[in-house]
Amino acid sequence: MPTTQLTILIKNDLFTFLGLIRGELLALGEEAQPVTAVVKHDPREGQPWLKQFASSGEAVRSYEGAITKSVARGWGVVYRGAPLQG
């Protein structure tokens, strides 16, 4: 079942976000493949970063670890949960 979790962090006048994405990769002529990935966008780094994981558990651990590490480095969590619509 596709799900997405989003965490928005802020430090001084910068913001960044981390996302945990679960869904299906659809390729033409192939069966859907499950995908679990962590995505990060930090404006200081330019392009967003995406890493796929072999298991959902690995992705969740990476996502949670990234949040913990960011907070330890002085970032504050502004929002954590499902993406808001609208």
C-alpha atoms as a PDB file:
ATOM      1  CA  MET A   1       0.000   0.000   0.000  1.00  0.00           C
ATOM      2  CA  PRO A   2       1.524   3.378  -0.997  1.00  0.00           C
ATOM      3  CA  THR A   3       2.310   5.679   1.908  1.00  0.00           C
ATOM      4  CA  THR A   4       4.441   8.744   2.412  1.00  0.00           C
ATOM      5  CA  GLN A   5       5.774  10.354   5.575  1.00  0.00           C
ATOM      6  CA  LEU A   6       7.217  13.858   5.581  1.00  0.00           C
ATOM      7  CA  THR A   7       9.417  15.691   8.078  1.00  0.00           C
ATOM      8  CA  ILE A   8      10.138  19.400   7.676  1.00  0.00           C
ATOM      9  CA  LEU A   9      13.069  20.761   9.671  1.00  0.00           C
ATOM     10  CA  ILE A  10      14.280  24.321  10.230  1.00  0.00           C
ATOM     11  CA  LYS A  11      17.536  25.834  11.453  1.00  0.00           C
ATOM     12  CA  ASN A  12      17.953  29.618  11.528  1.00  0.00           C
ATOM     13  CA  ASP A  13      16.518  30.767   8.174  1.00  0.00           C
ATOM     14  CA  LEU A  14      17.003  27.427   6.362  1.00  0.00           C
ATOM     15  CA  PHE A  15      14.556  24.602   5.964  1.00  0.00           C
ATOM     16  CA  THR A  16      14.964  21.079   4.673  1.00  0.00           C
ATOM     17  CA  PHE A  17      12.720  18.082   4.334  1.00  0.00           C
ATOM     18  CA  LEU A  18      13.015  14.334   4.623  1.00  0.00           C
ATOM     19  CA  GLY A  19      10.495  11.954   3.161  1.00  0.00           C
ATOM     20  CA  LEU A  20       9.819   8.240   3.539  1.00  0.00           C
ATOM     21  CA  ILE A  21       8.140   6.944   0.416  1.00  0.00           C
ATOM     22  CA  ARG A  22       6.501   3.553  -0.061  1.00  0.00           C
ATOM     23  CA  GLY A  23       4.863   2.752  -3.344  1.00  0.00           C
ATOM     24  CA  GLU A  24       5.126   0.802  -6.560  1.00  0.00           C
ATOM     25  CA  LEU A  25       7.413   1.369  -9.510  1.00  0.00           C
ATOM     26  CA  LEU A  26       5.585   0.856 -12.771  1.00  0.00           C
ATOM     27  CA  ALA A  27       7.623   0.029 -15.860  1.00  0.00           C
ATOM     28  CA  LEU A  28       6.047  -0.409 -19.268  1.00  0.00           C
ATOM     29  CA  GLY A  29       5.365  -4.086 -19.931  1.00  0.00           C
ATOM     30  CA  GLU A  30       6.462  -5.228 -16.467  1.00  0.00           C
ATOM     31  CA  GLU A  31       4.706  -6.003 -13.216  1.00  0.00           C
ATOM     32  CA  ALA A  32       4.701  -3.336 -10.521  1.00  0.00           C
ATOM     33  CA  GLN A  33       7.686  -3.536  -8.173  1.00  0.00           C
ATOM     34  CA  PRO A  34       7.444  -2.365  -4.559  1.00  0.00           C
ATOM     35  CA  VAL A  35       9.727   0.566  -3.753  1.00  0.00           C
ATOM     36  CA  THR A  36      10.724   2.013  -0.396  1.00  0.00           C
ATOM     37  CA  ALA A  37      12.961   5.065  -0.441  1.00  0.00           C
ATOM     38  CA  VAL A  38      14.126   8.031   1.587  1.00  0.00           C
ATOM     39  CA  VAL A  39      14.277  11.424  -0.104  1.00  0.00           C
ATOM     40  CA  LYS A  40      15.988  14.536   1.219  1.00  0.00           C
ATOM     41  CA  HIS A  41      16.081  18.082  -0.035  1.00  0.00           C
ATOM     42  CA  ASP A  42      18.518  20.538   1.510  1.00  0.00           C
ATOM     43  CA  PRO A  43      18.684  23.860  -0.390  1.00  0.00           C
ATOM     44  CA  ARG A  44      22.417  24.095   0.301  1.00  0.00           C
ATOM     45  CA  GLU A  45      22.993  20.891  -1.677  1.00  0.00           C
ATOM     46  CA  GLY A  46      21.048  21.814  -4.810  1.00  0.00           C
ATOM     47  CA  GLN A  47      19.374  18.677  -6.139  1.00  0.00           C
ATOM     48  CA  PRO A  48      17.176  16.407  -3.992  1.00  0.00           C
ATOM     49  CA  TRP A  49      18.701  13.104  -2.904  1.00  0.00           C
ATOM     50  CA  LEU A  50      16.848   9.778  -3.143  1.00  0.00           C
ATOM     51  CA  LYS A  51      17.970   6.384  -1.893  1.00  0.00           C
ATOM     52  CA  GLN A  52      16.029   3.157  -2.405  1.00  0.00           C
ATOM     53  CA  PHE A  53      16.238   0.376   0.170  1.00  0.00           C
ATOM     54  CA  ALA A  54      15.918  -3.390  -0.158  1.00  0.00           C
ATOM     55  CA  SER A  55      13.478  -3.554   2.744  1.00  0.00           C
ATOM     56  CA  SER A  56      10.959  -1.275   4.363  1.00  0.00           C
ATOM     57  CA  GLY A  57      12.665  -1.771   7.725  1.00  0.00           C
ATOM     58  CA  GLU A  58      15.992  -0.487   6.398  1.00  0.00           C
ATOM     59  CA  ALA A  59      14.296   2.598   4.947  1.00  0.00           C
ATOM     60  CA  VAL A  60      12.453   3.362   8.188  1.00  0.00           C
ATOM     61  CA  ARG A  61      15.683   3.024  10.210  1.00  0.00           C
ATOM     62  CA  SER A  62      17.494   5.354   7.803  1.00  0.00           C
ATOM     63  CA  TYR A  63      14.641   7.897   7.888  1.00  0.00           C
ATOM     64  CA  GLU A  64      14.392   7.853  11.695  1.00  0.00           C
ATOM     65  CA  GLY A  65      18.190   8.012  12.017  1.00  0.00           C
ATOM     66  CA  ALA A  66      18.383  11.031   9.706  1.00  0.00           C
ATOM     67  CA  ILE A  67      15.778  12.867  11.804  1.00  0.00           C
ATOM     68  CA  THR A  68      17.584  12.030  15.045  1.00  0.00           C
ATOM     69  CA  LYS A  69      20.940  13.126  13.621  1.00  0.00           C
ATOM     70  CA  SER A  70      19.467  16.377  12.279  1.00  0.00           C
ATOM     71  CA  VAL A  71      17.905  17.270  15.640  1.00  0.00           C
ATOM     72  CA  ALA A  72      21.238  16.516  17.364  1.00  0.00           C
ATOM     73  CA  ARG A  73      22.867  18.971  14.925  1.00  0.00           C
ATOM     74  CA  GLY A  74      20.519  21.768  15.952  1.00  0.00           C
ATOM     75  CA  TRP A  75      17.648  21.392  13.483  1.00  0.00           C
ATOM     76  CA  GLY A  76      14.100  21.740  14.829  1.00  0.00           C
ATOM     77  CA  VAL A  77      11.173  19.641  13.623  1.00  0.00           C
ATOM     78  CA  VAL A  78       8.408  21.895  12.288  1.00  0.00           C
ATOM     79  CA  TYR A  79       6.153  19.162  10.916  1.00  0.00           C
ATOM     80  CA  ARG A  80       6.167  15.378  10.955  1.00  0.00           C
ATOM     81  CA  GLY A  81       3.441  13.225   9.463  1.00  0.00           C
ATOM     82  CA  ALA A  82       1.552  12.580   6.275  1.00  0.00           C
ATOM     83  CA  PRO A  83       1.845  15.233   3.557  1.00  0.00           C
ATOM     84  CA  LEU A  84      -0.964  17.766   3.750  1.00  0.00           C
ATOM     85  CA  GLN A  85      -3.276  18.197   0.789  1.00  0.00           C
ATOM     86  CA  GLY A  86      -4.196  21.611  -0.568  1.00  0.00           C
END
